Amino acid sequence: MVAYARVDLDPPCLRRKWILNNQRCRRLVDEAIKDLSLDLTGLTVLTEAATGLFAMTASVASLAGAKQVMVMGKDSRFGSAKEATDATLDLAREWGCIRALSVVENRSDPVLSEADIVTNLAGVRPIDAELIGRLKSTAVIPLMFEAWEYRPEDIDLNAARARQLMVMGTNEDHPEVDVLSYLGPLACKLFLEASIELYGSRIAVLGSGVFLDKAVTYLKQANAEVAVIEVDKGGSYSADVMRESLKNADGLLVVEHHNKSALLGADAPLSEREISEINQGLVVAHITGNLNRENLVSAGMCSVPGHFAPPGYMSVTTAYVGPKPLIRLHAGGLKVGEIMARARQKELSFTAAVQRLSEHELCQEVF
């Protein structure tokens, strides 16, 4: 276990409170605003205060012309609410766009009723019935991910619909967003930090859907020898295929984002102890999926990163690769918010607006 001590920790860029290369980030923000024709003129945005790269979102909204950008922060493993607020305001000040920013410290503040666009980012979540009840009837909630990734614990969709507040997802495959293409580089970075060379290495990939497809394609382009273990709709997979795939593998990549069933353990086809017995030197890289990191460590397995997110969330997002995918995704989400807010300002009914915008190439209806 001593040899694995370094890779069992969160990588430094996940702990960083600041942004590396602010000048490049600002250029990428300007390009995203231009390419997406993001124009928030006259609109008020409620979003998060955050540390690291996530501190940029409020500035993106301000640079896109928002009348007001209200930010909310809360304590997390990435920093305290104060650190998040300070980082967000400091960046906006450096970029010359702090004019629009204001801090909301209380979720019951009446100022929340002024928001036209409410992002579903961590500092704002949960967007529960109480928060929804404080919003105006034309407020909209863009998801900073695709509609199928909707999580009921984050947004009370029934409460939003009861008040006819629009909630729509963001098409991550849109050419001006293109976030899903960074899943492969994300997997590669995790393995490289765990001293797996990729080139000529044997990598098994456990998952399904687009996350699986994108990761496998990129790993093959990196000249890795890839074995696919596909998770079915019921959340299961072939134990025999897994055993054979892991025998001489250097790494196991877990990218199951559709199903929340346990992938290893007593209720799964194989346990952590069993895969340890198959291949003690295996490195397990986790992006998303129901996996218990503590059980892996107890079984003597090396795992990255040092914290596994619960099912439905990502342990490391594409922002771990660099700022561009985050900027494009959040600018795209704000554009979805802009499109919805403009539709409601035109006095389109909730039903008419949803029907019209569900056909938009960037917006996705949440079912």
Protein backbone atom coordinates (compact mmCIF):
# COMPACT_ATOMS: atom_id res chain seq x y z
CA MET A 1 0.00 0.00 0.00
CA VAL A 2 2.92 2.39 0.56
CA ALA A 3 3.63 2.51 -3.16
CA TYR A 4 0.09 3.78 -3.79
CA ALA A 5 0.07 6.57 -1.21
CA ARG A 6 0.61 9.34 -3.75
CA VAL A 7 -2.17 8.38 -6.16
CA ASP A 8 -4.67 7.82 -3.37
CA LEU A 9 -4.73 11.59 -2.79
CA ASP A 10 -6.78 14.09 -4.72
CA PRO A 11 -4.61 15.51 -7.53
CA PRO A 12 -3.33 19.06 -6.84
CA CYS A 13 -5.53 20.74 -9.45
CA LEU A 14 -8.65 19.48 -7.64
CA ARG A 15 -7.47 21.17 -4.44
CA ARG A 16 -6.40 24.42 -6.10
CA LYS A 17 -8.43 27.46 -5.05
CA TRP A 18 -7.15 29.70 -7.83
CA ILE A 19 -7.11 29.65 -11.63
CA LEU A 20 -3.97 28.91 -13.58
CA ASN A 21 -3.41 31.17 -16.61
CA ASN A 22 -6.18 33.74 -16.17
CA GLN A 23 -5.26 35.40 -19.46
CA ARG A 24 -5.97 32.27 -21.51
CA CYS A 25 -9.19 31.64 -19.57
CA ARG A 26 -10.41 35.14 -20.34
CA ARG A 27 -9.71 34.63 -24.05
CA LEU A 28 -11.58 31.30 -23.99
CA VAL A 29 -14.54 32.97 -22.27
CA ASP A 30 -14.67 35.75 -24.86
CA GLU A 31 -14.54 33.18 -27.67
CA ALA A 32 -17.34 31.09 -26.14
CA ILE A 33 -19.59 34.15 -25.69
CA LYS A 34 -19.01 35.10 -29.31
CA ASP A 35 -19.43 31.60 -30.76
CA LEU A 36 -22.64 30.97 -28.83
CA SER A 37 -23.96 34.52 -29.39
CA LEU A 38 -24.56 34.65 -25.65
CA ASP A 39 -26.33 37.89 -24.80
CA LEU A 40 -27.77 38.26 -21.29
CA THR A 41 -28.53 41.97 -21.64
CA GLY A 42 -31.34 42.97 -19.30
CA LEU A 43 -31.41 39.61 -17.51
CA THR A 44 -30.61 38.78 -13.90
CA VAL A 45 -28.70 35.56 -13.25
CA LEU A 46 -28.50 33.58 -10.02
CA THR A 47 -25.46 31.29 -10.00
CA GLU A 48 -22.82 29.91 -7.67
CA ALA A 49 -19.78 31.37 -6.01
CA ALA A 50 -17.01 28.79 -6.31
CA THR A 51 -13.29 28.15 -6.15
CA GLY A 52 -10.92 27.17 -8.95
CA LEU A 53 -12.20 27.09 -12.51
CA PHE A 54 -15.82 27.11 -11.32
CA ALA A 55 -15.30 30.67 -10.09
CA MET A 56 -15.54 31.76 -13.74
CA THR A 57 -19.26 31.18 -14.27
CA ALA A 58 -20.41 34.42 -12.65
CA SER A 59 -17.90 36.37 -14.74
CA VAL A 60 -19.08 34.63 -17.92
CA ALA A 61 -22.61 35.87 -17.18
CA SER A 62 -21.37 39.39 -16.41
CA LEU A 63 -19.20 39.57 -19.54
CA ALA A 64 -22.21 38.42 -21.57
CA GLY A 65 -24.04 41.57 -20.49
CA ALA A 66 -26.20 40.39 -17.58
CA LYS A 67 -27.92 43.23 -15.74
CA GLN A 68 -27.17 41.58 -12.43
CA VAL A 69 -25.34 38.40 -11.38
CA MET A 70 -26.25 37.16 -7.90
CA VAL A 71 -23.88 34.57 -6.46
CA MET A 72 -24.44 32.07 -3.67
CA GLY A 73 -21.69 30.03 -2.03
CA LYS A 74 -21.61 27.21 0.47
CA ASP A 75 -18.99 25.14 2.26
CA SER A 76 -17.65 22.14 0.31
CA ARG A 77 -14.55 19.99 0.17
CA PHE A 78 -13.19 22.48 -2.36
CA GLY A 79 -13.34 25.42 0.08
CA SER A 80 -15.51 27.38 2.46
CA ALA A 81 -18.37 29.63 1.38
CA LYS A 82 -16.12 32.62 2.11
CA GLU A 83 -13.28 31.22 0.00
CA ALA A 84 -15.72 30.57 -2.85
CA THR A 85 -17.15 34.08 -2.64
CA ASP A 86 -13.72 35.69 -2.43
CA ALA A 87 -12.40 33.69 -5.39
CA THR A 88 -15.44 34.57 -7.52
CA LEU A 89 -15.32 38.28 -6.72
CA ASP A 90 -11.53 38.48 -7.09
CA LEU A 91 -11.68 36.98 -10.57
CA ALA A 92 -14.52 39.30 -11.65
CA ARG A 93 -12.54 42.23 -10.31
CA GLU A 94 -9.44 41.13 -12.26
CA TRP A 95 -11.46 40.72 -15.44
CA GLY A 96 -13.15 44.09 -15.01
CA CYS A 97 -16.68 42.72 -14.81
CA ILE A 98 -17.48 42.95 -11.12
CA ARG A 99 -20.00 45.75 -11.72
CA ALA A 100 -22.88 43.29 -12.06
CA LEU A 101 -21.99 40.94 -9.20
CA SER A 102 -23.69 40.84 -5.81
CA VAL A 103 -23.59 38.25 -3.04
CA VAL A 104 -26.66 36.48 -1.66
CA GLU A 105 -25.90 35.04 1.77
CA ASN A 106 -29.37 33.84 2.70
CA ARG A 107 -31.55 31.47 0.66
CA SER A 108 -34.61 33.29 1.96
CA ASP A 109 -33.46 36.71 0.70
CA PRO A 110 -36.34 38.46 -1.15
CA VAL A 111 -33.84 39.52 -3.84
CA LEU A 112 -34.07 36.00 -5.27
CA SER A 113 -37.39 36.98 -6.81
CA GLU A 114 -35.48 39.17 -9.26
CA ALA A 115 -33.69 36.23 -10.92
CA ASP A 116 -34.57 35.49 -14.53
CA ILE A 117 -32.08 32.61 -14.87
CA VAL A 118 -31.17 30.20 -12.05
CA THR A 119 -28.29 27.81 -12.72
CA ASN A 120 -28.30 24.36 -11.13
CA LEU A 121 -24.68 24.59 -9.96
CA ALA A 122 -23.54 23.29 -6.57
CA GLY A 123 -23.53 26.62 -4.75
CA VAL A 124 -27.21 27.11 -5.59
CA ARG A 125 -28.40 23.54 -5.08
CA PRO A 126 -30.70 22.17 -3.96
CA ILE A 127 -33.28 24.05 -5.97
CA ASP A 128 -36.05 22.81 -3.73
CA ALA A 129 -39.70 23.78 -3.35
CA GLU A 130 -38.81 26.51 -0.86
CA LEU A 131 -36.33 28.18 -3.22
CA ILE A 132 -38.62 27.71 -6.21
CA GLY A 133 -41.40 29.39 -4.25
CA ARG A 134 -39.27 32.54 -3.97
CA LEU A 135 -38.71 32.85 -7.73
CA LYS A 136 -40.84 34.84 -10.16
CA SER A 137 -43.24 32.93 -12.39
CA THR A 138 -41.14 33.55 -15.52
CA ALA A 139 -37.82 32.41 -13.99
CA VAL A 140 -36.05 29.60 -15.85
CA ILE A 141 -33.61 26.89 -14.74
CA PRO A 142 -31.02 25.71 -17.27
CA LEU A 143 -29.21 22.47 -16.45
CA MET A 144 -25.45 22.65 -16.94
CA PHE A 145 -25.60 19.15 -18.41
CA GLU A 146 -27.88 17.04 -20.60
CA ALA A 147 -31.52 16.45 -19.74
CA TRP A 148 -31.08 12.71 -19.08
CA GLU A 149 -28.64 13.55 -16.27
CA TYR A 150 -31.39 15.31 -14.27
CA ARG A 151 -31.20 14.41 -10.57
CA PRO A 152 -34.35 14.82 -8.43
CA GLU A 153 -32.28 15.53 -5.32
CA ASP A 154 -30.90 18.66 -7.04
CA ILE A 155 -34.11 20.16 -8.43
CA ASP A 156 -37.71 19.62 -7.38
CA LEU A 157 -39.11 19.28 -10.89
CA ASN A 158 -42.67 18.85 -9.67
CA ALA A 159 -42.49 22.12 -7.73
CA ALA A 160 -41.02 23.88 -10.78
CA ARG A 161 -43.75 22.57 -13.05
CA ALA A 162 -46.45 23.45 -10.54
CA ARG A 163 -45.31 27.07 -10.84
CA GLN A 164 -44.70 26.64 -14.60
CA LEU A 165 -40.97 27.39 -14.33
CA MET A 166 -39.10 26.06 -17.34
CA VAL A 167 -36.29 23.53 -16.75
CA MET A 168 -34.25 22.40 -19.76
CA GLY A 169 -30.98 20.57 -20.32
CA THR A 170 -27.98 21.58 -22.44
CA ASN A 171 -26.97 19.60 -25.52
CA GLU A 172 -23.35 18.77 -24.69
CA ASP A 173 -22.78 17.50 -28.24
CA HIS A 174 -23.65 20.87 -29.78
CA PRO A 175 -20.67 21.91 -31.94
CA GLU A 176 -20.10 25.09 -29.92
CA VAL A 177 -20.18 23.13 -26.64
CA ASP A 178 -18.70 19.70 -27.48
CA VAL A 179 -17.98 18.77 -23.85
CA LEU A 180 -18.37 15.01 -24.26
CA SER A 181 -15.26 14.87 -26.44
CA TYR A 182 -13.19 15.65 -23.34
CA LEU A 183 -14.16 12.40 -21.57
CA GLY A 184 -11.31 10.56 -23.28
CA PRO A 185 -8.62 13.08 -22.31
CA LEU A 186 -10.10 13.05 -18.78
CA ALA A 187 -9.59 9.28 -18.52
CA CYS A 188 -6.09 9.56 -19.94
CA LYS A 189 -5.09 12.22 -17.41
CA LEU A 190 -6.21 10.06 -14.49
CA PHE A 191 -4.19 7.09 -15.72
CA LEU A 192 -1.10 9.15 -16.51
CA GLU A 193 -1.14 10.58 -12.99
CA ALA A 194 -1.31 7.01 -11.68
CA SER A 195 1.82 6.13 -13.71
CA ILE A 196 -0.06 4.14 -16.36
CA GLU A 197 1.57 5.06 -19.68
CA LEU A 198 -1.51 4.38 -21.86
CA TYR A 199 0.62 3.84 -24.95
CA GLY A 200 0.76 0.07 -25.25
CA SER A 201 -1.07 -0.39 -21.94
CA ARG A 202 -4.07 -2.66 -21.38
CA ILE A 203 -7.15 -0.77 -20.19
CA ALA A 204 -10.52 -2.30 -19.33
CA VAL A 205 -13.51 0.06 -19.49
CA LEU A 206 -16.70 -0.55 -17.50
CA GLY A 207 -19.77 1.48 -18.43
CA SER A 208 -22.41 2.19 -21.03
CA GLY A 209 -23.72 4.81 -23.43
CA VAL A 210 -21.91 7.87 -24.69
CA PHE A 211 -19.48 8.00 -21.75
CA LEU A 212 -18.28 4.51 -22.63
CA ASP A 213 -18.11 5.24 -26.36
CA LYS A 214 -16.15 8.49 -26.00
CA ALA A 215 -13.66 7.01 -23.54
CA VAL A 216 -13.02 3.87 -25.58
CA THR A 217 -12.52 5.82 -28.81
CA TYR A 218 -9.95 8.13 -27.26
CA LEU A 219 -8.06 5.38 -25.42
CA LYS A 220 -7.70 3.47 -28.66
CA GLN A 221 -6.39 6.62 -30.36
CA ALA A 222 -3.79 6.77 -27.57
CA ASN A 223 -2.68 3.28 -28.68
CA ALA A 224 -3.97 1.54 -25.57
CA GLU A 225 -5.26 -2.01 -25.84
CA VAL A 226 -8.89 -1.65 -24.76
CA ALA A 227 -11.30 -4.26 -23.40
CA VAL A 228 -14.95 -3.24 -23.06
CA ILE A 229 -17.19 -4.46 -20.22
CA GLU A 230 -20.63 -3.13 -21.05
CA VAL A 231 -23.18 -2.47 -18.33
CA ASP A 232 -26.71 -3.43 -19.38
CA LYS A 233 -29.92 -1.50 -18.68
CA GLY A 234 -30.41 -3.41 -15.46
CA GLY A 235 -27.04 -2.26 -14.16
CA SER A 236 -25.33 -5.64 -14.53
CA TYR A 237 -22.50 -7.01 -16.69
CA SER A 238 -20.82 -10.32 -17.47
CA ALA A 239 -18.59 -11.47 -14.61
CA ASP A 240 -16.74 -13.76 -17.02
CA VAL A 241 -16.00 -10.87 -19.40
CA MET A 242 -14.79 -8.77 -16.45
CA ARG A 243 -12.51 -11.54 -15.16
CA GLU A 244 -10.96 -12.13 -18.57
CA SER A 245 -10.55 -8.40 -19.22
CA LEU A 246 -8.78 -7.77 -15.91
CA LYS A 247 -6.30 -10.68 -15.97
CA ASN A 248 -3.43 -8.74 -17.51
CA ALA A 249 -4.89 -5.23 -17.47
CA ASP A 250 -2.97 -2.21 -16.25
CA GLY A 251 -6.08 -0.19 -15.47
CA LEU A 252 -9.86 -0.31 -15.07
CA LEU A 253 -11.79 2.79 -16.08
CA VAL A 254 -15.30 3.15 -14.62
CA VAL A 255 -17.68 5.38 -16.62
CA GLU A 256 -21.21 4.21 -15.79
CA HIS A 257 -23.43 7.29 -15.73
CA HIS A 258 -26.85 5.83 -16.60
CA ASN A 259 -27.44 3.20 -13.92
CA LYS A 260 -27.03 3.63 -10.17
CA SER A 261 -26.72 -0.06 -9.27
CA ALA A 262 -23.59 -1.14 -7.39
CA LEU A 263 -20.87 -2.18 -9.84
CA LEU A 264 -18.76 -4.10 -7.32
CA GLY A 265 -19.75 -5.69 -4.03
CA ALA A 266 -22.16 -8.22 -2.57
CA ASP A 267 -25.02 -7.20 -4.87
CA ALA A 268 -22.86 -6.96 -8.01
CA PRO A 269 -21.46 -9.62 -10.38
CA LEU A 270 -18.02 -9.30 -8.71
CA SER A 271 -16.68 -7.92 -5.44
CA GLU A 272 -13.73 -5.65 -4.78
CA ARG A 273 -11.88 -8.57 -3.17
CA GLU A 274 -12.43 -10.74 -6.25
CA ILE A 275 -10.94 -8.21 -8.67
CA SER A 276 -8.03 -7.75 -6.28
CA GLU A 277 -7.39 -11.48 -6.43
CA ILE A 278 -7.58 -11.40 -10.24
CA ASN A 279 -5.07 -8.54 -10.57
CA GLN A 280 -3.42 -7.00 -7.50
CA GLY A 281 -1.56 -4.40 -9.58
CA LEU A 282 -4.67 -3.00 -11.27
CA VAL A 283 -5.26 0.77 -11.08
CA VAL A 284 -8.97 1.69 -10.85
CA ALA A 285 -9.77 5.11 -12.34
CA HIS A 286 -13.23 6.39 -11.46
CA ILE A 287 -15.10 9.04 -13.41
CA THR A 288 -18.66 8.04 -12.58
CA GLY A 289 -20.56 4.99 -11.33
CA ASN A 290 -21.66 3.31 -8.09
CA LEU A 291 -18.32 2.24 -6.66
CA ASN A 292 -17.16 2.22 -3.04
CA ARG A 293 -13.61 3.54 -2.86
CA GLU A 294 -13.11 2.46 0.76
CA ASN A 295 -13.85 -1.15 -0.19
CA LEU A 296 -11.28 -0.96 -2.98
CA VAL A 297 -8.65 0.40 -0.60
CA SER A 298 -9.49 -2.32 1.94
CA ALA A 299 -8.97 -4.89 -0.80
CA GLY A 300 -5.51 -3.46 -1.46
CA MET A 301 -6.38 -1.77 -4.75
CA CYS A 302 -4.91 1.45 -6.12
CA SER A 303 -7.61 3.96 -7.05
CA VAL A 304 -7.81 7.48 -8.46
CA PRO A 305 -8.92 10.14 -7.69
CA GLY A 306 -8.84 10.25 -3.90
CA HIS A 307 -12.59 10.84 -3.64
CA PHE A 308 -15.35 8.93 -5.46
CA ALA A 309 -18.57 10.84 -6.12
CA PRO A 310 -21.91 9.11 -5.46
CA PRO A 311 -23.74 7.52 -8.41
CA GLY A 312 -25.12 10.09 -10.84
CA TYR A 313 -22.25 12.49 -10.19
CA MET A 314 -18.71 12.68 -11.57
CA SER A 315 -15.67 12.26 -9.32
CA VAL A 316 -13.78 14.51 -11.71
CA THR A 317 -15.50 16.60 -14.34
CA THR A 318 -14.11 17.53 -17.73
CA ALA A 319 -12.83 20.73 -16.05
CA TYR A 320 -10.10 18.49 -14.62
CA VAL A 321 -8.57 18.41 -18.10
CA GLY A 322 -8.53 22.21 -18.39
CA PRO A 323 -10.77 25.29 -18.51
CA LYS A 324 -12.17 25.05 -22.04
CA PRO A 325 -14.78 22.29 -21.53
CA LEU A 326 -16.07 23.98 -18.38
CA ILE A 327 -16.28 27.37 -20.06
CA ARG A 328 -18.08 25.93 -23.08
CA LEU A 329 -20.51 23.93 -20.96
CA HIS A 330 -21.43 26.77 -18.63
CA ALA A 331 -21.64 29.30 -21.45
CA GLY A 332 -23.88 26.81 -23.27
CA GLY A 333 -26.04 26.39 -20.17
CA LEU A 334 -26.35 30.14 -19.80
CA LYS A 335 -27.35 30.31 -23.48
CA VAL A 336 -30.10 27.77 -22.79
CA GLY A 337 -31.18 30.03 -19.93
CA GLU A 338 -31.13 33.06 -22.21
CA ILE A 339 -33.25 31.29 -24.84
CA MET A 340 -35.82 30.21 -22.24
CA ALA A 341 -35.91 33.61 -20.51
CA ARG A 342 -36.43 35.47 -23.80
CA ALA A 343 -39.28 33.10 -24.69
CA ARG A 344 -41.03 33.79 -21.39
CA GLN A 345 -40.45 37.54 -21.79
CA LYS A 346 -42.31 37.32 -25.09
CA GLU A 347 -45.24 36.16 -22.99
CA LEU A 348 -45.21 32.69 -24.49
CA SER A 349 -47.13 30.35 -22.22
CA PHE A 350 -45.20 27.69 -20.34
CA THR A 351 -46.58 24.96 -22.60
CA ALA A 352 -45.93 26.88 -25.83
CA ALA A 353 -42.41 27.80 -24.77
CA VAL A 354 -41.49 24.22 -23.86
CA GLN A 355 -42.96 22.91 -27.11
CA ARG A 356 -41.08 25.45 -29.23
CA LEU A 357 -37.73 25.22 -27.45
CA SER A 358 -37.67 21.41 -27.27
CA GLU A 359 -36.94 21.58 -31.00
CA HIS A 360 -33.96 23.92 -30.49
CA GLU A 361 -30.58 22.32 -31.23
CA LEU A 362 -29.11 23.46 -27.90
CA CYS A 363 -32.08 22.93 -25.55
CA GLN A 364 -33.29 19.59 -24.24
CA GLU A 365 -36.63 18.92 -22.60
CA VAL A 366 -36.52 17.21 -19.19
CA PHE A 367 -38.94 14.30 -18.84
